[in-house]
Amino acid sequence: MSRVEKRLRLRRMEGVEEGEAKVNPRTIEFLGIKDLLEAVVGGKKRFTFKAIPSEAVPVNEVWINPLEARSKGIADNSIATIRAKQP
């Protein structure tokens, strides 16, 4: 069973709660995300976020909380591999 994944930009945006990531609904559908998504930055750092659908987010971006991103060492505009989190 192969997992669908896509490389997207992680953006720091105000108005996003900690532990959540705003994602375009079409991206959520394409990746088959039910509740949680996994973001892998640089092939090493792996993070889990609760996926929140939002039409305001461009298809090629994922918006995350700026304070959480800073504390986890995620730079604004980082490219990450995004996939549905497996239970």
C-alpha atoms as a PDB file:
ATOM      1  CA  MET A   1       0.000   0.000   0.000  1.00  0.00           C
ATOM      2  CA  SER A   2       1.620   3.268  -1.104  1.00  0.00           C
ATOM      3  CA  ARG A   3       1.017   6.546   0.655  1.00  0.00           C
ATOM      4  CA  VAL A   4       0.254   9.683  -1.317  1.00  0.00           C
ATOM      5  CA  GLU A   5       2.546  12.556  -0.408  1.00  0.00           C
ATOM      6  CA  LYS A   6       3.315  15.991  -1.767  1.00  0.00           C
ATOM      7  CA  ARG A   7       6.005  18.605  -1.177  1.00  0.00           C
ATOM      8  CA  LEU A   8       4.393  21.847   0.012  1.00  0.00           C
ATOM      9  CA  ARG A   9       5.510  25.127   1.590  1.00  0.00           C
ATOM     10  CA  LEU A  10       5.075  25.556   5.348  1.00  0.00           C
ATOM     11  CA  ARG A  11       4.083  29.147   6.104  1.00  0.00           C
ATOM     12  CA  ARG A  12       3.931  30.813   9.518  1.00  0.00           C
ATOM     13  CA  MET A  13       0.543  32.528   9.782  1.00  0.00           C
ATOM     14  CA  GLU A  14      -1.160  34.326  12.652  1.00  0.00           C
ATOM     15  CA  GLY A  15      -4.614  33.007  13.521  1.00  0.00           C
ATOM     16  CA  VAL A  16      -3.656  29.322  13.435  1.00  0.00           C
ATOM     17  CA  GLU A  17      -3.934  27.477  16.748  1.00  0.00           C
ATOM     18  CA  GLU A  18      -0.996  25.466  18.135  1.00  0.00           C
ATOM     19  CA  GLY A  19      -1.042  21.839  17.017  1.00  0.00           C
ATOM     20  CA  GLU A  20      -3.176  22.680  13.983  1.00  0.00           C
ATOM     21  CA  ALA A  21      -2.362  23.266  10.329  1.00  0.00           C
ATOM     22  CA  LYS A  22      -4.663  25.005   7.856  1.00  0.00           C
ATOM     23  CA  VAL A  23      -4.725  23.249   4.489  1.00  0.00           C
ATOM     24  CA  ASN A  24      -6.691  23.770   1.275  1.00  0.00           C
ATOM     25  CA  PRO A  25      -9.630  21.284   1.089  1.00  0.00           C
ATOM     26  CA  ARG A  26      -8.524  20.087  -2.371  1.00  0.00           C
ATOM     27  CA  THR A  27      -5.094  19.226  -0.964  1.00  0.00           C
ATOM     28  CA  ILE A  28      -6.718  17.361   1.941  1.00  0.00           C
ATOM     29  CA  GLU A  29      -8.801  15.350  -0.535  1.00  0.00           C
ATOM     30  CA  PHE A  30      -5.802  14.624  -2.810  1.00  0.00           C
ATOM     31  CA  LEU A  31      -3.638  13.397   0.079  1.00  0.00           C
ATOM     32  CA  GLY A  32      -6.481  11.443   1.701  1.00  0.00           C
ATOM     33  CA  ILE A  33      -6.107  13.208   5.041  1.00  0.00           C
ATOM     34  CA  LYS A  34      -8.823  12.241   7.522  1.00  0.00           C
ATOM     35  CA  ASP A  35      -7.748  14.086  10.692  1.00  0.00           C
ATOM     36  CA  LEU A  36      -3.967  14.282  11.160  1.00  0.00           C
ATOM     37  CA  LEU A  37      -1.189  15.147   8.751  1.00  0.00           C
ATOM     38  CA  GLU A  38       2.520  14.463   8.979  1.00  0.00           C
ATOM     39  CA  ALA A  39       5.084  17.044   7.841  1.00  0.00           C
ATOM     40  CA  VAL A  40       8.698  15.994   7.238  1.00  0.00           C
ATOM     41  CA  VAL A  41      11.191  18.860   6.900  1.00  0.00           C
ATOM     42  CA  GLY A  42      14.565  18.110   5.362  1.00  0.00           C
ATOM     43  CA  GLY A  43      13.985  14.364   5.555  1.00  0.00           C
ATOM     44  CA  LYS A  44      14.793  14.435   9.272  1.00  0.00           C
ATOM     45  CA  LYS A  45      12.377  16.500  11.344  1.00  0.00           C
ATOM     46  CA  ARG A  46       8.933  14.892  11.547  1.00  0.00           C
ATOM     47  CA  PHE A  47       5.904  16.758  12.937  1.00  0.00           C
ATOM     48  CA  THR A  48       2.212  15.926  13.336  1.00  0.00           C
ATOM     49  CA  PHE A  49      -0.582  18.493  13.027  1.00  0.00           C
ATOM     50  CA  LYS A  50      -4.380  18.399  13.096  1.00  0.00           C
ATOM     51  CA  ALA A  51      -5.553  19.288   9.570  1.00  0.00           C
ATOM     52  CA  ILE A  52      -8.081  22.145   9.377  1.00  0.00           C
ATOM     53  CA  PRO A  53      -9.614  22.793   5.927  1.00  0.00           C
ATOM     54  CA  SER A  54      -9.538  26.425   4.766  1.00  0.00           C
ATOM     55  CA  GLU A  55     -10.295  27.842   1.303  1.00  0.00           C
ATOM     56  CA  ALA A  56      -8.066  30.861   2.082  1.00  0.00           C
ATOM     57  CA  VAL A  57      -4.950  28.676   1.955  1.00  0.00           C
ATOM     58  CA  PRO A  58      -3.315  28.265  -1.486  1.00  0.00           C
ATOM     59  CA  VAL A  59      -3.144  24.680  -2.812  1.00  0.00           C
ATOM     60  CA  ASN A  60       0.659  24.562  -2.547  1.00  0.00           C
ATOM     61  CA  GLU A  61       0.887  25.803   1.080  1.00  0.00           C
ATOM     62  CA  VAL A  62       0.225  24.640   4.641  1.00  0.00           C
ATOM     63  CA  TRP A  63      -0.240  27.334   7.309  1.00  0.00           C
ATOM     64  CA  ILE A  64       1.032  26.690  10.840  1.00  0.00           C
ATOM     65  CA  ASN A  65       1.254  28.668  14.102  1.00  0.00           C
ATOM     66  CA  PRO A  66       4.303  31.004  14.055  1.00  0.00           C
ATOM     67  CA  LEU A  67       5.232  30.497  17.732  1.00  0.00           C
ATOM     68  CA  GLU A  68       5.037  26.717  17.429  1.00  0.00           C
ATOM     69  CA  ALA A  69       7.044  26.805  14.179  1.00  0.00           C
ATOM     70  CA  ARG A  70       9.745  28.911  15.833  1.00  0.00           C
ATOM     71  CA  SER A  71       9.944  26.601  18.860  1.00  0.00           C
ATOM     72  CA  LYS A  72      10.240  23.532  16.597  1.00  0.00           C
ATOM     73  CA  GLY A  73      12.845  25.165  14.362  1.00  0.00           C
ATOM     74  CA  ILE A  74      10.690  25.421  11.226  1.00  0.00           C
ATOM     75  CA  ALA A  75      11.604  28.426   9.077  1.00  0.00           C
ATOM     76  CA  ASP A  76       8.922  30.354   7.207  1.00  0.00           C
ATOM     77  CA  ASN A  77       8.560  29.141   3.608  1.00  0.00           C
ATOM     78  CA  SER A  78      10.208  25.769   4.343  1.00  0.00           C
ATOM     79  CA  ILE A  79       9.469  22.949   1.923  1.00  0.00           C
ATOM     80  CA  ALA A  80       8.116  19.842   3.645  1.00  0.00           C
ATOM     81  CA  THR A  81       6.784  16.481   2.538  1.00  0.00           C
ATOM     82  CA  ILE A  82       3.128  16.334   3.614  1.00  0.00           C
ATOM     83  CA  ARG A  83       1.185  13.070   3.959  1.00  0.00           C
ATOM     84  CA  ALA A  84      -1.754  11.657   5.886  1.00  0.00           C
ATOM     85  CA  LYS A  85      -0.729  10.422   9.338  1.00  0.00           C
ATOM     86  CA  GLN A  86      -1.146   6.665   9.627  1.00  0.00           C
ATOM     87  CA  PRO A  87      -2.732   5.397  12.869  1.00  0.00           C
END
